[in-house]
Amino acid sequence: MEETRSMNADLPEQETLMLRVVEADAAARLDAHLAAQIPDWSRARIQRLIEDGDVLVNGRVVKSSYKLRAGDVIEVELITSPVEAFTPQPIPLEIIYEDETLVVVNKPAGLVVHPGAGIASGTLANALAFHFQKLSSRAGQMRPGIVHRLDKDTSGLIVVAKTEEAHEKLSEQFRTREVFKSYVALVHGRLKADSGRIEQPIARDARHRTRMAVVRGGRPALSLYSTRRSFERFTLLDVEIKSGRTHQIRVHLQWLKHPVVGDETYGGGRDKTIPEVRVRAAVARLGRIFLHAEQLSFHHPQTGEKLKFHAPLPQELTDLLEALE
C-alpha cells in the first residue's frame, strides 16, 4: 500500500491510498473489498466515496458493485477528519424553516459546512450542534444533520435533518434527483445561447488531485442554465443542477469557457484581466465566488408535502451587480 498526502485551501486534506488487487481478491465487490482494507471505515461511507468519484479503478470511475480483477489498481482519496474533539459553538444562523424533522438554513459565504483536516471548528456543523439539541447522526459525529453540502464560498440554502428517518428519506431524494436545486452565478463573458445544458462527467483532475475536472469516464453530471441578465462583459445565470458532484457548477462553467466571477480555483485568472479598473476593484472587494444557492425544493420526509424555499442574493452580490451597471 502506498500513501501520499496533499493540502488545498478549498478542500480538506486528502490521503491517497493506492491498492493493487491480487488473485485472491478477484471477483470481490469494490465496496466490500475497500471496507475490509480500510480500518474504521464503514461500507456505507466507502460507497459515498465511490459515488462522489473519489475512487478510481485503473484510472476510471466505476460503481460500488464493480467486480475486481487481479492486477486492478485502485486509487482512493480519503478525506481525513481532524483529531480535535467536536465542540458546539454559538455561531449565528439564518434559519429559513424549522419543524420537528428538519431545518433549512441560509448559509453565508465563508462558512465551511463541516470539519475537515485543518478545520476543527467554526463550521456550520458546529453551529447546528449548538442551536439544536436533536440532529441526525447518520453522517457521523462531526457532520450532525448534514445531508448535502455547499462550497465554503458559496452562499444559500441547505437542508439539515433532525431525525435518522428524515436524513435517510432526504438523502434518497437527492440520490434519485427529486430535489430541485437552482443557483445564481455571475460568469465572465456573454454566452451565445440564452439557455443550454452541460452534460459532462466530473472526477478528480489527474494532474491536480485537489481539484475536480471534466474527465472522460468520470461521474455523470448535468447542469441546466439560462440567462437572467446580460452585461457588457458578464452574464448572470440561473443554473439548475440535476446531480451533486463536487464543484459541479464551477467545473461545468469553466468547461464552457465562462468561469464564475471570483473563482480563483477554476477562473483561470480572468478576474485580473478585467479592463475596467472600477469593475476589477469591485470584484476584488467581493472576496468570494459569485455563486448562490437561491432555490431549494423537496418533499417533506414525513408528510410528503412539497416544500419550496427561496433565499435572495446577499448584499455583497447585489452590490457587485450595481457596480456593473
Protein backbone atom coordinates (compact mmCIF):
# COMPACT_ATOMS: atom_id res chain seq x y z
CA MET A 1 0.00 0.00 0.00
CA GLU A 2 1.35 3.41 -0.97
CA GLU A 3 0.28 6.68 0.66
CA THR A 4 0.62 10.31 -0.46
CA ARG A 5 -0.76 13.48 1.10
CA SER A 6 -1.73 16.89 -0.25
CA MET A 7 -3.32 20.07 1.09
CA ASN A 8 -5.51 22.72 -0.53
CA ALA A 9 -7.31 25.69 1.00
CA ASP A 10 -10.58 24.77 -0.72
CA LEU A 11 -10.67 21.08 0.12
CA PRO A 12 -9.96 19.04 3.26
CA GLU A 13 -6.67 17.16 3.44
CA GLN A 14 -6.56 14.13 1.17
CA GLU A 15 -4.88 10.84 2.00
CA THR A 16 -4.37 8.96 -1.25
CA LEU A 17 -4.25 5.17 -0.98
CA MET A 18 -3.02 3.04 -3.89
CA LEU A 19 -4.03 -0.63 -3.82
CA ARG A 20 -3.26 -3.40 -6.31
CA VAL A 21 -5.72 -6.31 -6.43
CA VAL A 22 -4.19 -9.77 -6.00
CA GLU A 23 -5.61 -13.02 -7.39
CA ALA A 24 -7.16 -13.98 -4.04
CA ASP A 25 -9.35 -10.85 -4.06
CA ALA A 26 -10.50 -11.15 -7.67
CA ALA A 27 -14.29 -11.18 -8.20
CA ALA A 28 -14.94 -9.31 -4.92
CA ARG A 29 -17.16 -6.21 -4.99
CA LEU A 30 -15.22 -2.97 -4.90
CA ASP A 31 -17.07 -1.53 -1.88
CA ALA A 32 -16.75 -4.73 0.15
CA HIS A 33 -13.03 -5.03 -0.65
CA LEU A 34 -12.31 -1.44 0.39
CA ALA A 35 -14.33 -1.76 3.59
CA ALA A 36 -12.13 -4.73 4.51
CA GLN A 37 -8.92 -2.91 3.57
CA ILE A 38 -9.55 0.44 5.27
CA PRO A 39 -9.84 0.24 9.09
CA ASP A 40 -12.72 2.09 10.80
CA TRP A 41 -14.45 2.99 7.51
CA SER A 42 -17.93 1.53 7.10
CA ARG A 43 -19.18 0.10 3.82
CA ALA A 44 -21.76 2.90 3.57
CA ARG A 45 -19.03 5.51 3.94
CA ILE A 46 -16.97 3.77 1.27
CA GLN A 47 -19.99 3.73 -1.05
CA ARG A 48 -20.38 7.51 -0.64
CA LEU A 49 -16.73 7.94 -1.64
CA ILE A 50 -17.31 5.84 -4.75
CA GLU A 51 -20.48 7.79 -5.63
CA ASP A 52 -18.59 11.09 -5.28
CA GLY A 53 -15.93 9.93 -7.73
CA ASP A 54 -13.21 9.71 -5.07
CA VAL A 55 -12.37 6.10 -6.01
CA LEU A 56 -10.76 5.18 -9.33
CA VAL A 57 -10.05 1.70 -10.71
CA ASN A 58 -7.37 1.75 -13.40
CA GLY A 59 -7.89 5.49 -13.66
CA ARG A 60 -11.66 5.31 -14.21
CA VAL A 61 -14.72 5.91 -12.06
CA VAL A 62 -16.75 2.72 -11.51
CA LYS A 63 -19.75 1.63 -9.44
CA SER A 64 -19.69 0.15 -5.94
CA SER A 65 -20.75 -3.19 -7.43
CA TYR A 66 -17.72 -3.37 -9.75
CA LYS A 67 -16.19 -6.87 -9.62
CA LEU A 68 -12.45 -6.68 -9.10
CA ARG A 69 -9.90 -8.35 -11.35
CA ALA A 70 -6.38 -9.42 -10.48
CA GLY A 71 -3.98 -6.61 -11.31
CA ASP A 72 -6.56 -3.81 -10.96
CA VAL A 73 -5.09 -0.63 -9.44
CA ILE A 74 -7.43 1.15 -7.01
CA GLU A 75 -6.84 4.78 -6.10
CA VAL A 76 -8.79 6.09 -3.10
CA GLU A 77 -8.96 9.71 -1.96
CA LEU A 78 -9.73 9.56 1.76
CA ILE A 79 -10.92 12.84 3.29
CA THR A 80 -9.40 12.67 6.73
CA SER A 81 -11.07 14.07 9.83
CA PRO A 82 -9.43 16.35 12.38
CA VAL A 83 -8.27 14.79 15.62
CA GLU A 84 -9.62 17.58 17.80
CA ALA A 85 -12.86 16.99 19.67
CA PHE A 86 -16.02 18.30 18.05
CA THR A 87 -17.49 21.19 20.02
CA PRO A 88 -20.81 23.02 19.56
CA GLN A 89 -20.29 26.76 19.00
CA PRO A 90 -22.67 29.76 19.25
CA ILE A 91 -22.28 30.81 15.61
CA PRO A 92 -25.28 32.81 14.33
CA LEU A 93 -27.57 31.05 11.87
CA GLU A 94 -30.21 32.39 9.50
CA ILE A 95 -32.97 29.81 9.83
CA ILE A 96 -35.43 29.86 6.92
CA TYR A 97 -37.63 27.00 8.14
CA GLU A 98 -37.77 24.58 11.06
CA ASP A 99 -40.04 21.79 12.25
CA GLU A 100 -39.63 18.59 14.26
CA THR A 101 -37.82 16.72 11.49
CA LEU A 102 -35.73 19.21 9.52
CA VAL A 103 -34.20 22.67 9.29
CA VAL A 104 -33.46 24.86 6.26
CA VAL A 105 -30.61 27.33 6.71
CA ASN A 106 -29.35 30.20 4.54
CA LYS A 107 -25.58 29.65 4.74
CA PRO A 108 -23.34 32.71 4.32
CA ALA A 109 -20.24 32.61 2.11
CA GLY A 110 -17.06 31.83 4.02
CA LEU A 111 -18.68 29.28 6.33
CA VAL A 112 -17.38 25.73 5.89
CA VAL A 113 -20.16 23.14 6.14
CA HIS A 114 -18.38 20.60 8.37
CA PRO A 115 -14.95 19.99 9.94
CA GLY A 116 -12.11 18.51 7.95
CA ALA A 117 -8.37 18.18 8.44
CA GLY A 118 -7.05 21.60 9.41
CA ILE A 119 -10.59 22.84 10.16
CA ALA A 120 -11.81 21.68 13.56
CA SER A 121 -14.20 24.48 14.44
CA GLY A 122 -16.13 27.48 13.15
CA THR A 123 -18.22 25.39 10.74
CA LEU A 124 -21.93 25.13 10.04
CA ALA A 125 -21.90 21.75 11.78
CA ASN A 126 -20.51 23.34 14.96
CA ALA A 127 -23.25 25.97 14.81
CA LEU A 128 -26.00 23.40 14.24
CA ALA A 129 -24.85 21.33 17.20
CA PHE A 130 -25.13 24.40 19.42
CA HIS A 131 -28.55 25.59 18.21
CA PHE A 132 -30.34 22.23 18.04
CA GLN A 133 -30.44 19.54 20.71
CA LYS A 134 -31.57 16.84 18.29
CA LEU A 135 -29.87 16.20 14.94
CA SER A 136 -29.35 13.09 12.82
CA SER A 137 -26.06 11.27 13.45
CA ARG A 138 -26.22 9.30 10.20
CA ALA A 139 -23.33 11.24 8.63
CA GLY A 140 -21.10 10.92 11.70
CA GLN A 141 -20.34 12.85 14.86
CA MET A 142 -18.68 15.77 13.06
CA ARG A 143 -21.47 16.14 10.49
CA PRO A 144 -24.64 16.31 12.63
CA GLY A 145 -27.70 16.52 10.40
CA ILE A 146 -25.67 17.25 7.26
CA VAL A 147 -27.49 15.83 4.22
CA HIS A 148 -25.69 17.74 1.43
CA ARG A 149 -23.00 20.37 1.09
CA LEU A 150 -22.21 23.78 -0.33
CA ASP A 151 -18.69 25.01 -1.06
CA LYS A 152 -17.17 27.31 1.56
CA ASP A 153 -17.53 30.44 -0.59
CA THR A 154 -20.98 29.54 -1.95
CA SER A 155 -23.90 31.04 -0.06
CA GLY A 156 -27.50 29.90 0.07
CA LEU A 157 -29.93 27.21 1.08
CA ILE A 158 -29.03 23.95 2.75
CA VAL A 159 -31.36 21.41 4.39
CA VAL A 160 -30.46 19.70 7.67
CA ALA A 161 -32.06 16.55 9.11
CA LYS A 162 -33.07 16.30 12.76
CA THR A 163 -34.02 12.60 12.70
CA GLU A 164 -32.44 9.50 11.22
CA GLU A 165 -35.59 8.79 9.21
CA ALA A 166 -35.63 12.30 7.74
CA HIS A 167 -31.95 12.01 6.86
CA GLU A 168 -32.49 8.73 5.02
CA LYS A 169 -35.52 9.98 3.08
CA LEU A 170 -33.89 13.30 2.15
CA SER A 171 -30.72 11.52 1.04
CA GLU A 172 -32.83 9.23 -1.14
CA GLN A 173 -34.46 12.26 -2.79
CA PHE A 174 -31.01 13.65 -3.58
CA ARG A 175 -29.89 10.28 -4.96
CA THR A 176 -32.96 9.96 -7.20
CA ARG A 177 -32.73 13.60 -8.36
CA GLU A 178 -36.10 14.56 -6.89
CA VAL A 179 -34.63 17.64 -5.18
CA PHE A 180 -34.80 20.90 -7.14
CA LYS A 181 -31.64 22.99 -6.69
CA SER A 182 -31.23 26.31 -8.50
CA TYR A 183 -28.25 28.64 -8.22
CA VAL A 184 -27.41 32.15 -9.39
CA ALA A 185 -23.97 32.59 -10.95
CA LEU A 186 -22.24 35.58 -12.50
CA VAL A 187 -19.82 34.41 -15.19
CA HIS A 188 -17.20 36.00 -17.39
CA GLY A 189 -18.22 36.79 -20.96
CA ARG A 190 -21.54 36.82 -22.78
CA LEU A 191 -22.99 33.45 -23.69
CA LYS A 192 -24.01 32.80 -27.29
CA ALA A 193 -27.18 30.97 -26.29
CA ASP A 194 -29.72 32.21 -23.76
CA SER A 195 -30.05 28.71 -22.33
CA GLY A 196 -28.46 25.29 -22.59
CA ARG A 197 -27.34 22.11 -20.87
CA ILE A 198 -23.92 20.90 -19.83
CA GLU A 199 -23.80 17.12 -19.57
CA GLN A 200 -20.16 16.34 -18.91
CA PRO A 201 -18.71 13.75 -16.47
CA ILE A 202 -16.73 15.01 -13.49
CA ALA A 203 -13.91 13.40 -11.50
CA ARG A 204 -10.72 14.48 -9.77
CA ASP A 205 -8.21 16.22 -12.00
CA ALA A 206 -5.41 13.73 -12.75
CA ARG A 207 -2.77 16.49 -12.69
CA HIS A 208 -4.16 18.48 -9.75
CA ARG A 209 -5.61 15.96 -7.31
CA THR A 210 -7.21 18.60 -5.06
CA ARG A 211 -9.31 19.90 -7.96
CA MET A 212 -12.17 18.48 -10.00
CA ALA A 213 -12.40 18.47 -13.79
CA VAL A 214 -14.43 17.26 -16.74
CA VAL A 215 -12.95 13.78 -17.19
CA ARG A 216 -13.90 11.05 -19.63
CA GLY A 217 -15.20 8.13 -17.59
CA GLY A 218 -15.99 10.38 -14.60
CA ARG A 219 -19.28 10.53 -12.71
CA PRO A 220 -22.24 11.69 -14.84
CA ALA A 221 -23.20 15.30 -14.16
CA LEU A 222 -25.90 17.51 -15.67
CA SER A 223 -26.31 21.29 -15.30
CA LEU A 224 -29.00 23.38 -16.98
CA TYR A 225 -28.51 27.12 -17.39
CA SER A 226 -30.49 30.12 -18.58
CA THR A 227 -29.60 33.80 -18.85
CA ARG A 228 -31.17 36.07 -16.27
CA ARG A 229 -29.34 39.21 -17.36
CA SER A 230 -26.50 40.20 -19.70
CA PHE A 231 -23.86 42.84 -19.08
CA GLU A 232 -21.15 44.09 -21.42
CA ARG A 233 -18.55 41.54 -20.26
CA PHE A 234 -20.55 39.30 -17.92
CA THR A 235 -23.69 37.15 -17.80
CA LEU A 236 -25.93 36.49 -14.82
CA LEU A 237 -27.17 32.90 -15.00
CA ASP A 238 -29.75 30.70 -13.33
CA VAL A 239 -28.21 27.23 -13.02
CA GLU A 240 -30.17 24.13 -12.08
CA ILE A 241 -28.16 21.03 -11.22
CA LYS A 242 -29.54 17.54 -11.70
CA SER A 243 -26.63 15.87 -9.88
CA GLY A 244 -24.46 16.83 -6.94
CA ARG A 245 -20.84 16.43 -7.93
CA THR A 246 -18.15 18.32 -6.04
CA HIS A 247 -17.70 21.83 -7.51
CA GLN A 248 -20.08 20.83 -10.33
CA ILE A 249 -21.27 24.28 -11.41
CA ARG A 250 -17.80 25.79 -11.20
CA VAL A 251 -16.26 22.96 -13.22
CA HIS A 252 -19.02 22.92 -15.85
CA LEU A 253 -18.92 26.69 -16.39
CA GLN A 254 -15.12 26.59 -16.65
CA TRP A 255 -15.51 23.85 -19.29
CA LEU A 256 -17.96 26.16 -21.10
CA LYS A 257 -15.19 28.81 -21.03
CA HIS A 258 -17.33 31.11 -18.89
CA PRO A 259 -15.88 30.69 -15.38
CA VAL A 260 -17.63 32.04 -12.29
CA VAL A 261 -16.54 35.52 -11.22
CA GLY A 262 -14.31 35.45 -8.15
CA ASP A 263 -13.35 31.77 -8.60
CA GLU A 264 -9.59 31.62 -8.13
CA THR A 265 -9.51 27.82 -8.45
CA TYR A 266 -11.41 27.45 -11.72
CA GLY A 267 -11.37 31.01 -13.05
CA GLY A 268 -8.06 30.86 -14.88
CA GLY A 269 -7.11 34.33 -13.65
CA ARG A 270 -9.93 36.00 -15.59
CA ASP A 271 -10.73 38.37 -12.70
CA LYS A 272 -7.31 40.04 -13.01
CA THR A 273 -7.78 40.73 -16.73
CA ILE A 274 -10.98 42.80 -16.37
CA PRO A 275 -10.12 46.01 -18.28
CA GLU A 276 -12.35 48.40 -16.32
CA VAL A 277 -10.45 49.44 -13.18
CA ARG A 278 -13.65 50.16 -11.22
CA VAL A 279 -15.17 46.77 -12.02
CA ARG A 280 -11.91 44.93 -11.33
CA ALA A 281 -11.72 46.64 -7.93
CA ALA A 282 -15.34 45.69 -7.17
CA VAL A 283 -14.62 42.03 -7.98
CA ALA A 284 -11.50 42.11 -5.78
CA ARG A 285 -13.54 43.50 -2.88
CA LEU A 286 -16.09 40.70 -3.29
CA GLY A 287 -13.73 38.23 -1.62
CA ARG A 288 -15.80 35.20 -2.67
CA ILE A 289 -17.19 33.47 -5.74
CA PHE A 290 -20.41 34.79 -7.25
CA LEU A 291 -22.43 31.61 -6.70
CA HIS A 292 -25.57 31.48 -4.57
CA ALA A 293 -27.97 28.59 -3.90
CA GLU A 294 -31.16 30.59 -4.39
CA GLN A 295 -33.90 27.94 -4.61
CA LEU A 296 -34.38 24.56 -2.96
CA SER A 297 -37.42 22.30 -3.22
CA PHE A 298 -38.11 18.77 -1.96
CA HIS A 299 -40.83 16.59 -0.45
CA HIS A 300 -41.18 16.69 3.31
CA PRO A 301 -39.76 13.37 4.58
CA GLN A 302 -42.65 12.84 6.97
CA THR A 303 -45.76 14.33 5.33
CA GLY A 304 -44.77 14.14 1.65
CA GLU A 305 -45.75 17.79 1.20
CA LYS A 306 -43.83 19.71 -1.48
CA LEU A 307 -41.67 22.36 0.22
CA LYS A 308 -40.18 25.29 -1.70
CA PHE A 309 -37.64 27.77 -0.35
CA HIS A 310 -36.01 30.93 -1.70
CA ALA A 311 -33.02 32.93 -0.42
CA PRO A 312 -32.41 36.35 -2.02
CA LEU A 313 -28.95 37.35 -3.18
CA PRO A 314 -26.69 38.55 -0.33
CA GLN A 315 -25.82 42.24 -0.21
CA GLU A 316 -22.24 41.77 -1.45
CA LEU A 317 -23.54 40.14 -4.64
CA THR A 318 -26.19 42.79 -5.34
CA ASP A 319 -23.52 45.47 -4.71
CA LEU A 320 -21.36 43.94 -7.46
CA LEU A 321 -24.30 43.85 -9.88
CA GLU A 322 -24.93 47.54 -9.17
CA ALA A 323 -21.25 48.25 -9.89
CA LEU A 324 -21.60 46.53 -13.28
CA GLU A 325 -24.41 48.90 -14.19
